[in-house]
Amino acid sequence: MYHSTERATERATERATQRASELATDRALERVSLRIVRFLLAMLSCVVLWPLAARCQDSGSEANAFHGNGAEITVTVRDSSGEPISSPATIKLY
């Protein structure tokens, strides 16, 4: 009788160990799956938001190009009819 009780205890211990191992594997798979979902969500948001950021960029014309080492602001001065004045000018900002 003692031998069969010992054997039953061993089987129960083996099953508990196997179940604990299965639970640990399931948790590891859940963590990996969560990491993959987070990564894909970040990539998707970049793909969606990137065109919006590009749309906000300047046209790239020569008038808007960066020249020199300082900051530059392009100002278009128009005459009374609304046409841009063709002669270049220097404007001081205070």
PDB file of N, CA and C in Angstrom:
ATOM      1  N   MET A   1       0.825  -1.190   0.000  1.00  0.00           N
ATOM      2  CA  MET A   1       0.000   0.000   0.000  1.00  0.00           C
ATOM      3  C   MET A   1       0.867   1.251   0.000  1.00  0.00           C
ATOM      4  N   TYR A   2       1.941   1.228   0.780  1.00  0.00           N
ATOM      5  CA  TYR A   2       2.833   2.371   0.856  1.00  0.00           C
ATOM      6  C   TYR A   2       3.449   2.650  -0.505  1.00  0.00           C
ATOM      7  N   HIS A   3       3.796   1.596  -1.224  1.00  0.00           N
ATOM      8  CA  HIS A   3       4.415   1.739  -2.531  1.00  0.00           C
ATOM      9  C   HIS A   3       3.462   2.394  -3.534  1.00  0.00           C
ATOM     10  N   SER A   4       2.190   2.005  -3.523  1.00  0.00           N
ATOM     11  CA  SER A   4       1.223   2.597  -4.461  1.00  0.00           C
ATOM     12  C   SER A   4       0.945   4.062  -4.121  1.00  0.00           C
ATOM     13  N   THR A   5       0.969   4.433  -2.852  1.00  0.00           N
ATOM     14  CA  THR A   5       0.765   5.820  -2.450  1.00  0.00           C
ATOM     15  C   THR A   5       1.948   6.669  -2.900  1.00  0.00           C
ATOM     16  N   GLU A   6       3.129   6.102  -2.756  1.00  0.00           N
ATOM     17  CA  GLU A   6       4.324   6.813  -3.197  1.00  0.00           C
ATOM     18  C   GLU A   6       4.294   7.017  -4.714  1.00  0.00           C
ATOM     19  N   ARG A   7       3.884   6.016  -5.430  1.00  0.00           N
ATOM     20  CA  ARG A   7       3.793   6.094  -6.893  1.00  0.00           C
ATOM     21  C   ARG A   7       2.741   7.123  -7.313  1.00  0.00           C
ATOM     22  N   ALA A   8       1.611   7.155  -6.631  1.00  0.00           N
ATOM     23  CA  ALA A   8       0.562   8.136  -6.935  1.00  0.00           C
ATOM     24  C   ALA A   8       1.056   9.552  -6.668  1.00  0.00           C
ATOM     25  N   THR A   9       1.832   9.704  -5.604  1.00  0.00           N
ATOM     26  CA  THR A   9       2.398  11.015  -5.285  1.00  0.00           C
ATOM     27  C   THR A   9       3.376  11.449  -6.363  1.00  0.00           C
ATOM     28  N   GLU A  10       4.185  10.522  -6.854  1.00  0.00           N
ATOM     29  CA  GLU A  10       5.135  10.826  -7.927  1.00  0.00           C
ATOM     30  C   GLU A  10       4.394  11.266  -9.191  1.00  0.00           C
ATOM     31  N   ARG A  11       3.340  10.535  -9.540  1.00  0.00           N
ATOM     32  CA  ARG A  11       2.547  10.885 -10.735  1.00  0.00           C
ATOM     33  C   ARG A  11       1.928  12.272 -10.588  1.00  0.00           C
ATOM     34  N   ALA A  12       1.395  12.547  -9.397  1.00  0.00           N
ATOM     35  CA  ALA A  12       0.773  13.854  -9.160  1.00  0.00           C
ATOM     36  C   ALA A  12       1.819  14.958  -9.247  1.00  0.00           C
ATOM     37  N   THR A  13       2.992  14.693  -8.739  1.00  0.00           N
ATOM     38  CA  THR A  13       4.078  15.676  -8.802  1.00  0.00           C
ATOM     39  C   THR A  13       4.500  15.900 -10.251  1.00  0.00           C
ATOM     40  N   GLU A  14       4.614  14.835 -11.028  1.00  0.00           N
ATOM     41  CA  GLU A  14       4.974  14.944 -12.445  1.00  0.00           C
ATOM     42  C   GLU A  14       3.926  15.760 -13.207  1.00  0.00           C
ATOM     43  N   ARG A  15       2.638  15.472 -12.947  1.00  0.00           N
ATOM     44  CA  ARG A  15       1.569  16.223 -13.618  1.00  0.00           C
ATOM     45  C   ARG A  15       1.602  17.694 -13.225  1.00  0.00           C
ATOM     46  N   ALA A  16       1.834  17.984 -11.948  1.00  0.00           N
ATOM     47  CA  ALA A  16       1.893  19.376 -11.490  1.00  0.00           C
ATOM     48  C   ALA A  16       3.082  20.093 -12.120  1.00  0.00           C
ATOM     49  N   THR A  17       4.212  19.401 -12.206  1.00  0.00           N
ATOM     50  CA  THR A  17       5.402  19.986 -12.830  1.00  0.00           C
ATOM     51  C   THR A  17       5.157  20.244 -14.314  1.00  0.00           C
ATOM     52  N   GLN A  18       4.537  19.279 -14.982  1.00  0.00           N
ATOM     53  CA  GLN A  18       4.236  19.437 -16.409  1.00  0.00           C
ATOM     54  C   GLN A  18       3.261  20.597 -16.611  1.00  0.00           C
ATOM     55  N   ARG A  19       2.258  20.706 -15.776  1.00  0.00           N
ATOM     56  CA  ARG A  19       1.273  21.786 -15.901  1.00  0.00           C
ATOM     57  C   ARG A  19       1.933  23.149 -15.645  1.00  0.00           C
ATOM     58  N   ALA A  20       2.812  23.201 -14.652  1.00  0.00           N
ATOM     59  CA  ALA A  20       3.519  24.452 -14.371  1.00  0.00           C
ATOM     60  C   ALA A  20       4.400  24.839 -15.552  1.00  0.00           C
ATOM     61  N   SER A  21       5.029  23.849 -16.160  1.00  0.00           N
ATOM     62  CA  SER A  21       5.865  24.105 -17.339  1.00  0.00           C
ATOM     63  C   SER A  21       5.011  24.616 -18.500  1.00  0.00           C
ATOM     64  N   GLU A  22       3.829  24.005 -18.686  1.00  0.00           N
ATOM     65  CA  GLU A  22       2.922  24.460 -19.750  1.00  0.00           C
ATOM     66  C   GLU A  22       2.457  25.891 -19.504  1.00  0.00           C
ATOM     67  N   LEU A  23       2.146  26.224 -18.250  1.00  0.00           N
ATOM     68  CA  LEU A  23       1.725  27.585 -17.922  1.00  0.00           C
ATOM     69  C   LEU A  23       2.852  28.582 -18.164  1.00  0.00           C
ATOM     70  N   ALA A  24       4.079  28.211 -17.804  1.00  0.00           N
ATOM     71  CA  ALA A  24       5.226  29.095 -18.041  1.00  0.00           C
ATOM     72  C   ALA A  24       5.427  29.307 -19.536  1.00  0.00           C
ATOM     73  N   THR A  25       5.256  28.258 -20.327  1.00  0.00           N
ATOM     74  CA  THR A  25       5.389  28.373 -21.778  1.00  0.00           C
ATOM     75  C   THR A  25       4.285  29.255 -22.344  1.00  0.00           C
ATOM     76  N   ASP A  26       3.061  29.074 -21.840  1.00  0.00           N
ATOM     77  CA  ASP A  26       1.946  29.911 -22.301  1.00  0.00           C
ATOM     78  C   ASP A  26       2.201  31.383 -21.988  1.00  0.00           C
ATOM     79  N   ARG A  27       2.706  31.673 -20.797  1.00  0.00           N
ATOM     80  CA  ARG A  27       2.997  33.059 -20.418  1.00  0.00           C
ATOM     81  C   ARG A  27       4.112  33.636 -21.286  1.00  0.00           C
ATOM     82  N   ALA A  28       5.123  32.835 -21.584  1.00  0.00           N
ATOM     83  CA  ALA A  28       6.217  33.297 -22.443  1.00  0.00           C
ATOM     84  C   ALA A  28       5.690  33.612 -23.844  1.00  0.00           C
ATOM     85  N   LEU A  29       4.807  32.765 -24.357  1.00  0.00           N
ATOM     86  CA  LEU A  29       4.221  33.013 -25.676  1.00  0.00           C
ATOM     87  C   LEU A  29       3.361  34.277 -25.671  1.00  0.00           C
ATOM     88  N   GLU A  30       2.635  34.496 -24.580  1.00  0.00           N
ATOM     89  CA  GLU A  30       1.825  35.714 -24.473  1.00  0.00           C
ATOM     90  C   GLU A  30       2.704  36.962 -24.474  1.00  0.00           C
ATOM     91  N   ARG A  31       3.841  36.901 -23.757  1.00  0.00           N
ATOM     92  CA  ARG A  31       4.761  38.051 -23.724  1.00  0.00           C
ATOM     93  C   ARG A  31       5.347  38.313 -25.102  1.00  0.00           C
ATOM     94  N   VAL A  32       5.728  37.250 -25.800  1.00  0.00           N
ATOM     95  CA  VAL A  32       6.274  37.413 -27.150  1.00  0.00           C
ATOM     96  C   VAL A  32       5.205  37.972 -28.072  1.00  0.00           C
ATOM     97  N   SER A  33       3.996  37.453 -27.975  1.00  0.00           N
ATOM     98  CA  SER A  33       2.904  37.948 -28.813  1.00  0.00           C
ATOM     99  C   SER A  33       2.615  39.413 -28.527  1.00  0.00           C
ATOM    100  N   LEU A  34       2.649  39.792 -27.264  1.00  0.00           N
ATOM    101  CA  LEU A  34       2.409  41.185 -26.896  1.00  0.00           C
ATOM    102  C   LEU A  34       3.504  42.083 -27.447  1.00  0.00           C
ATOM    103  N   ARG A  35       4.750  41.636 -27.402  1.00  0.00           N
ATOM    104  CA  ARG A  35       5.847  42.417 -27.983  1.00  0.00           C
ATOM    105  C   ARG A  35       5.665  42.599 -29.480  1.00  0.00           C
ATOM    106  N   ILE A  36       5.263  41.543 -30.162  1.00  0.00           N
ATOM    107  CA  ILE A  36       5.056  41.625 -31.606  1.00  0.00           C
ATOM    108  C   ILE A  36       3.924  42.593 -31.917  1.00  0.00           C
ATOM    109  N   VAL A  37       2.844  42.520 -31.181  1.00  0.00           N
ATOM    110  CA  VAL A  37       1.705  43.423 -31.399  1.00  0.00           C
ATOM    111  C   VAL A  37       2.122  44.869 -31.153  1.00  0.00           C
ATOM    112  N   ARG A  38       2.875  45.123 -30.087  1.00  0.00           N
ATOM    113  CA  ARG A  38       3.339  46.489 -29.813  1.00  0.00           C
ATOM    114  C   ARG A  38       4.233  47.003 -30.932  1.00  0.00           C
ATOM    115  N   PHE A  39       5.152  46.159 -31.418  1.00  0.00           N
ATOM    116  CA  PHE A  39       6.046  46.549 -32.496  1.00  0.00           C
ATOM    117  C   PHE A  39       5.256  46.868 -33.760  1.00  0.00           C
ATOM    118  N   LEU A  40       4.323  45.994 -34.113  1.00  0.00           N
ATOM    119  CA  LEU A  40       3.532  46.214 -35.328  1.00  0.00           C
ATOM    120  C   LEU A  40       2.654  47.455 -35.194  1.00  0.00           C
ATOM    121  N   LEU A  41       2.130  47.718 -34.023  1.00  0.00           N
ATOM    122  CA  LEU A  41       1.326  48.912 -33.803  1.00  0.00           C
ATOM    123  C   LEU A  41       2.181  50.169 -33.973  1.00  0.00           C
ATOM    124  N   ALA A  42       3.406  50.144 -33.450  1.00  0.00           N
ATOM    125  CA  ALA A  42       4.314  51.282 -33.623  1.00  0.00           C
ATOM    126  C   ALA A  42       4.652  51.489 -35.091  1.00  0.00           C
ATOM    127  N   MET A  43       4.915  50.407 -35.809  1.00  0.00           N
ATOM    128  CA  MET A  43       5.237  50.520 -37.234  1.00  0.00           C
ATOM    129  C   MET A  43       4.028  51.044 -38.029  1.00  0.00           C
ATOM    130  N   LEU A  44       2.856  50.572 -37.687  1.00  0.00           N
ATOM    131  CA  LEU A  44       1.655  51.024 -38.372  1.00  0.00           C
ATOM    132  C   LEU A  44       1.419  52.509 -38.144  1.00  0.00           C
ATOM    133  N   SER A  45       1.628  52.964 -36.908  1.00  0.00           N
ATOM    134  CA  SER A  45       1.437  54.392 -36.641  1.00  0.00           C
ATOM    135  C   SER A  45       2.462  55.225 -37.403  1.00  0.00           C
ATOM    136  N   CYS A  46       3.689  54.733 -37.537  1.00  0.00           N
ATOM    137  CA  CYS A  46       4.694  55.459 -38.325  1.00  0.00           C
ATOM    138  C   CYS A  46       4.293  55.534 -39.792  1.00  0.00           C
ATOM    139  N   VAL A  47       3.799  54.439 -40.324  1.00  0.00           N
ATOM    140  CA  VAL A  47       3.399  54.419 -41.732  1.00  0.00           C
ATOM    141  C   VAL A  47       2.217  55.350 -41.973  1.00  0.00           C
ATOM    142  N   VAL A  48       1.311  55.416 -41.013  1.00  0.00           N
ATOM    143  CA  VAL A  48       0.131  56.273 -41.170  1.00  0.00           C
ATOM    144  C   VAL A  48       0.486  57.744 -40.992  1.00  0.00           C
ATOM    145  N   LEU A  49       1.341  58.050 -40.016  1.00  0.00           N
ATOM    146  CA  LEU A  49       1.639  59.449 -39.705  1.00  0.00           C
ATOM    147  C   LEU A  49       2.736  60.044 -40.582  1.00  0.00           C
ATOM    148  N   TRP A  50       3.565  59.222 -41.213  1.00  0.00           N
ATOM    149  CA  TRP A  50       4.654  59.734 -42.024  1.00  0.00           C
ATOM    150  C   TRP A  50       4.168  60.600 -43.183  1.00  0.00           C
ATOM    151  N   PRO A  51       3.155  60.179 -43.949  1.00  0.00           N
ATOM    152  CA  PRO A  51       2.673  61.046 -45.027  1.00  0.00           C
ATOM    153  C   PRO A  51       2.129  62.380 -44.518  1.00  0.00           C
ATOM    154  N   LEU A  52       1.557  62.389 -43.311  1.00  0.00           N
ATOM    155  CA  LEU A  52       1.062  63.651 -42.760  1.00  0.00           C
ATOM    156  C   LEU A  52       2.215  64.601 -42.473  1.00  0.00           C
ATOM    157  N   ALA A  53       3.307  64.077 -41.954  1.00  0.00           N
ATOM    158  CA  ALA A  53       4.478  64.915 -41.683  1.00  0.00           C
ATOM    159  C   ALA A  53       5.083  65.417 -42.993  1.00  0.00           C
ATOM    160  N   ALA A  54       5.100  64.579 -44.006  1.00  0.00           N
ATOM    161  CA  ALA A  54       5.651  64.990 -45.298  1.00  0.00           C
ATOM    162  C   ALA A  54       4.769  66.053 -45.949  1.00  0.00           C
ATOM    163  N   ARG A  55       3.488  65.977 -45.720  1.00  0.00           N
ATOM    164  CA  ARG A  55       2.568  66.962 -46.297  1.00  0.00           C
ATOM    165  C   ARG A  55       2.819  68.347 -45.702  1.00  0.00           C
ATOM    166  N   CYS A  56       3.304  68.403 -44.478  1.00  0.00           N
ATOM    167  CA  CYS A  56       3.569  69.683 -43.818  1.00  0.00           C
ATOM    168  C   CYS A  56       4.882  70.309 -44.261  1.00  0.00           C
ATOM    169  N   GLN A  57       5.675  69.620 -45.043  1.00  0.00           N
ATOM    170  CA  GLN A  57       6.955  70.152 -45.484  1.00  0.00           C
ATOM    171  C   GLN A  57       6.751  71.229 -46.531  1.00  0.00           C
ATOM    172  N   ASP A  58       7.799  72.016 -46.726  1.00  0.00           N
ATOM    173  CA  ASP A  58       7.779  73.104 -47.677  1.00  0.00           C
ATOM    174  C   ASP A  58       7.782  72.560 -49.107  1.00  0.00           C
ATOM    175  N   SER A  59       7.519  73.424 -50.072  1.00  0.00           N
ATOM    176  CA  SER A  59       7.459  72.999 -51.459  1.00  0.00           C
ATOM    177  C   SER A  59       8.830  72.688 -52.038  1.00  0.00           C
ATOM    178  N   GLY A  60       9.890  73.213 -51.438  1.00  0.00           N
ATOM    179  CA  GLY A  60      11.226  72.926 -51.930  1.00  0.00           C
ATOM    180  C   GLY A  60      11.674  73.842 -53.045  1.00  0.00           C
ATOM    181  N   SER A  61      10.968  74.933 -53.271  1.00  0.00           N
ATOM    182  CA  SER A  61      11.373  75.860 -54.323  1.00  0.00           C
ATOM    183  C   SER A  61      12.609  76.629 -53.880  1.00  0.00           C
ATOM    184  N   GLU A  62      13.278  77.282 -54.813  1.00  0.00           N
ATOM    185  CA  GLU A  62      14.495  78.027 -54.523  1.00  0.00           C
ATOM    186  C   GLU A  62      14.235  79.160 -53.543  1.00  0.00           C
ATOM    187  N   ALA A  63      13.082  79.745 -53.584  1.00  0.00           N
ATOM    188  CA  ALA A  63      12.761  80.840 -52.669  1.00  0.00           C
ATOM    189  C   ALA A  63      12.709  80.358 -51.222  1.00  0.00           C
ATOM    190  N   ASN A  64      12.407  79.083 -51.024  1.00  0.00           N
ATOM    191  CA  ASN A  64      12.291  78.536 -49.671  1.00  0.00           C
ATOM    192  C   ASN A  64      13.527  77.765 -49.242  1.00  0.00           C
ATOM    193  N   ALA A  65      14.577  77.741 -50.084  1.00  0.00           N
ATOM    194  CA  ALA A  65      15.775  76.967 -49.767  1.00  0.00           C
ATOM    195  C   ALA A  65      16.564  77.634 -48.654  1.00  0.00           C
ATOM    196  N   PHE A  66      17.302  76.838 -47.924  1.00  0.00           N
ATOM    197  CA  PHE A  66      18.120  77.339 -46.815  1.00  0.00           C
ATOM    198  C   PHE A  66      19.475  77.759 -47.357  1.00  0.00           C
ATOM    199  N   HIS A  67      19.909  78.963 -47.025  1.00  0.00           N
ATOM    200  CA  HIS A  67      21.195  79.483 -47.474  1.00  0.00           C
ATOM    201  C   HIS A  67      21.964  79.985 -46.263  1.00  0.00           C
ATOM    202  N   GLY A  68      23.252  79.674 -46.187  1.00  0.00           N
ATOM    203  CA  GLY A  68      24.092  80.201 -45.125  1.00  0.00           C
ATOM    204  C   GLY A  68      23.936  79.445 -43.827  1.00  0.00           C
ATOM    205  N   ASN A  69      24.473  80.056 -42.771  1.00  0.00           N
ATOM    206  CA  ASN A  69      24.479  79.404 -41.465  1.00  0.00           C
ATOM    207  C   ASN A  69      23.358  79.863 -40.547  1.00  0.00           C
ATOM    208  N   GLY A  70      22.720  80.983 -40.859  1.00  0.00           N
ATOM    209  CA  GLY A  70      21.687  81.519 -39.976  1.00  0.00           C
ATOM    210  C   GLY A  70      20.295  81.101 -40.413  1.00  0.00           C
ATOM    211  N   ALA A  71      19.323  81.488 -39.608  1.00  0.00           N
ATOM    212  CA  ALA A  71      17.931  81.212 -39.949  1.00  0.00           C
ATOM    213  C   ALA A  71      17.479  82.216 -40.999  1.00  0.00           C
ATOM    214  N   GLU A  72      16.571  81.809 -41.812  1.00  0.00           N
ATOM    215  CA  GLU A  72      16.116  82.680 -42.890  1.00  0.00           C
ATOM    216  C   GLU A  72      14.602  82.607 -42.983  1.00  0.00           C
ATOM    217  N   ILE A  73      13.993  83.749 -43.179  1.00  0.00           N
ATOM    218  CA  ILE A  73      12.550  83.834 -43.371  1.00  0.00           C
ATOM    219  C   ILE A  73      12.319  84.483 -44.726  1.00  0.00           C
ATOM    220  N   THR A  74      11.506  83.873 -45.533  1.00  0.00           N
ATOM    221  CA  THR A  74      11.182  84.439 -46.830  1.00  0.00           C
ATOM    222  C   THR A  74       9.891  85.230 -46.703  1.00  0.00           C
ATOM    223  N   VAL A  75       9.944  86.486 -47.128  1.00  0.00           N
ATOM    224  CA  VAL A  75       8.786  87.373 -47.070  1.00  0.00           C
ATOM    225  C   VAL A  75       8.477  87.832 -48.479  1.00  0.00           C
ATOM    226  N   THR A  76       7.235  87.727 -48.891  1.00  0.00           N
ATOM    227  CA  THR A  76       6.823  88.221 -50.198  1.00  0.00           C
ATOM    228  C   THR A  76       6.104  89.553 -49.989  1.00  0.00           C
ATOM    229  N   VAL A  77       6.661  90.604 -50.586  1.00  0.00           N
ATOM    230  CA  VAL A  77       6.065  91.941 -50.483  1.00  0.00           C
ATOM    231  C   VAL A  77       5.269  92.181 -51.756  1.00  0.00           C
ATOM    232  N   ARG A  78       4.037  92.592 -51.597  1.00  0.00           N
ATOM    233  CA  ARG A  78       3.159  92.799 -52.753  1.00  0.00           C
ATOM    234  C   ARG A  78       2.804  94.279 -52.877  1.00  0.00           C
ATOM    235  N   ASP A  79       2.576  94.693 -54.116  1.00  0.00           N
ATOM    236  CA  ASP A  79       2.159  96.087 -54.336  1.00  0.00           C
ATOM    237  C   ASP A  79       0.645  96.191 -54.167  1.00  0.00           C
ATOM    238  N   SER A  80       0.097  97.363 -54.437  1.00  0.00           N
ATOM    239  CA  SER A  80      -1.332  97.598 -54.195  1.00  0.00           C
ATOM    240  C   SER A  80      -2.241  96.732 -55.072  1.00  0.00           C
ATOM    241  N   SER A  81      -1.737  96.252 -56.219  1.00  0.00           N
ATOM    242  CA  SER A  81      -2.562  95.396 -57.074  1.00  0.00           C
ATOM    243  C   SER A  81      -2.495  93.928 -56.655  1.00  0.00           C
ATOM    244  N   GLY A  82      -1.614  93.603 -55.686  1.00  0.00           N
ATOM    245  CA  GLY A  82      -1.515  92.225 -55.222  1.00  0.00           C
ATOM    246  C   GLY A  82      -0.401  91.446 -55.882  1.00  0.00           C
ATOM    247  N   GLU A  83       0.331  92.053 -56.807  1.00  0.00           N
ATOM    248  CA  GLU A  83       1.434  91.379 -57.482  1.00  0.00           C
ATOM    249  C   GLU A  83       2.701  91.492 -56.632  1.00  0.00           C
ATOM    250  N   PRO A  84       3.538  90.450 -56.613  1.00  0.00           N
ATOM    251  CA  PRO A  84       4.792  90.537 -55.861  1.00  0.00           C
ATOM    252  C   PRO A  84       5.717  91.593 -56.474  1.00  0.00           C
ATOM    253  N   ILE A  85       6.418  92.332 -55.634  1.00  0.00           N
ATOM    254  CA  ILE A  85       7.398  93.309 -56.099  1.00  0.00           C
ATOM    255  C   ILE A  85       8.620  92.535 -56.565  1.00  0.00           C
ATOM    256  N   SER A  86       9.116  92.847 -57.758  1.00  0.00           N
ATOM    257  CA  SER A  86      10.171  92.043 -58.365  1.00  0.00           C
ATOM    258  C   SER A  86      11.564  92.364 -57.844  1.00  0.00           C
ATOM    259  N   SER A  87      11.792  93.519 -57.281  1.00  0.00           N
ATOM    260  CA  SER A  87      13.145  93.858 -56.827  1.00  0.00           C
ATOM    261  C   SER A  87      13.388  93.268 -55.436  1.00  0.00           C
ATOM    262  N   PRO A  88      14.592  92.705 -55.194  1.00  0.00           N
ATOM    263  CA  PRO A  88      14.890  92.137 -53.878  1.00  0.00           C
ATOM    264  C   PRO A  88      15.043  93.237 -52.839  1.00  0.00           C
ATOM    265  N   ALA A  89      14.726  92.918 -51.608  1.00  0.00           N
ATOM    266  CA  ALA A  89      14.810  93.894 -50.534  1.00  0.00           C
ATOM    267  C   ALA A  89      15.269  93.200 -49.254  1.00  0.00           C
ATOM    268  N   THR A  90      15.794  93.982 -48.322  1.00  0.00           N
ATOM    269  CA  THR A  90      16.186  93.463 -47.015  1.00  0.00           C
ATOM    270  C   THR A  90      15.190  93.998 -45.999  1.00  0.00           C
ATOM    271  N   ILE A  91      14.699  93.077 -45.172  1.00  0.00           N
ATOM    272  CA  ILE A  91      13.702  93.449 -44.177  1.00  0.00           C
ATOM    273  C   ILE A  91      14.304  93.148 -42.810  1.00  0.00           C
ATOM    274  N   LYS A  92      14.221  94.097 -41.909  1.00  0.00           N
ATOM    275  CA  LYS A  92      14.719  93.867 -40.551  1.00  0.00           C
ATOM    276  C   LYS A  92      13.535  93.554 -39.638  1.00  0.00           C
ATOM    277  N   LEU A  93      13.693  92.521 -38.851  1.00  0.00           N
ATOM    278  CA  LEU A  93      12.655  92.114 -37.909  1.00  0.00           C
ATOM    279  C   LEU A  93      13.110  92.486 -36.493  1.00  0.00           C
ATOM    280  N   TYR A  94      12.224  93.089 -35.733  1.00  0.00           N
ATOM    281  CA  TYR A  94      12.554  93.489 -34.363  1.00  0.00           C
ATOM    282  C   TYR A  94      11.659  92.770 -33.401  1.00  0.00           C
TER     283      TYR A  94
END
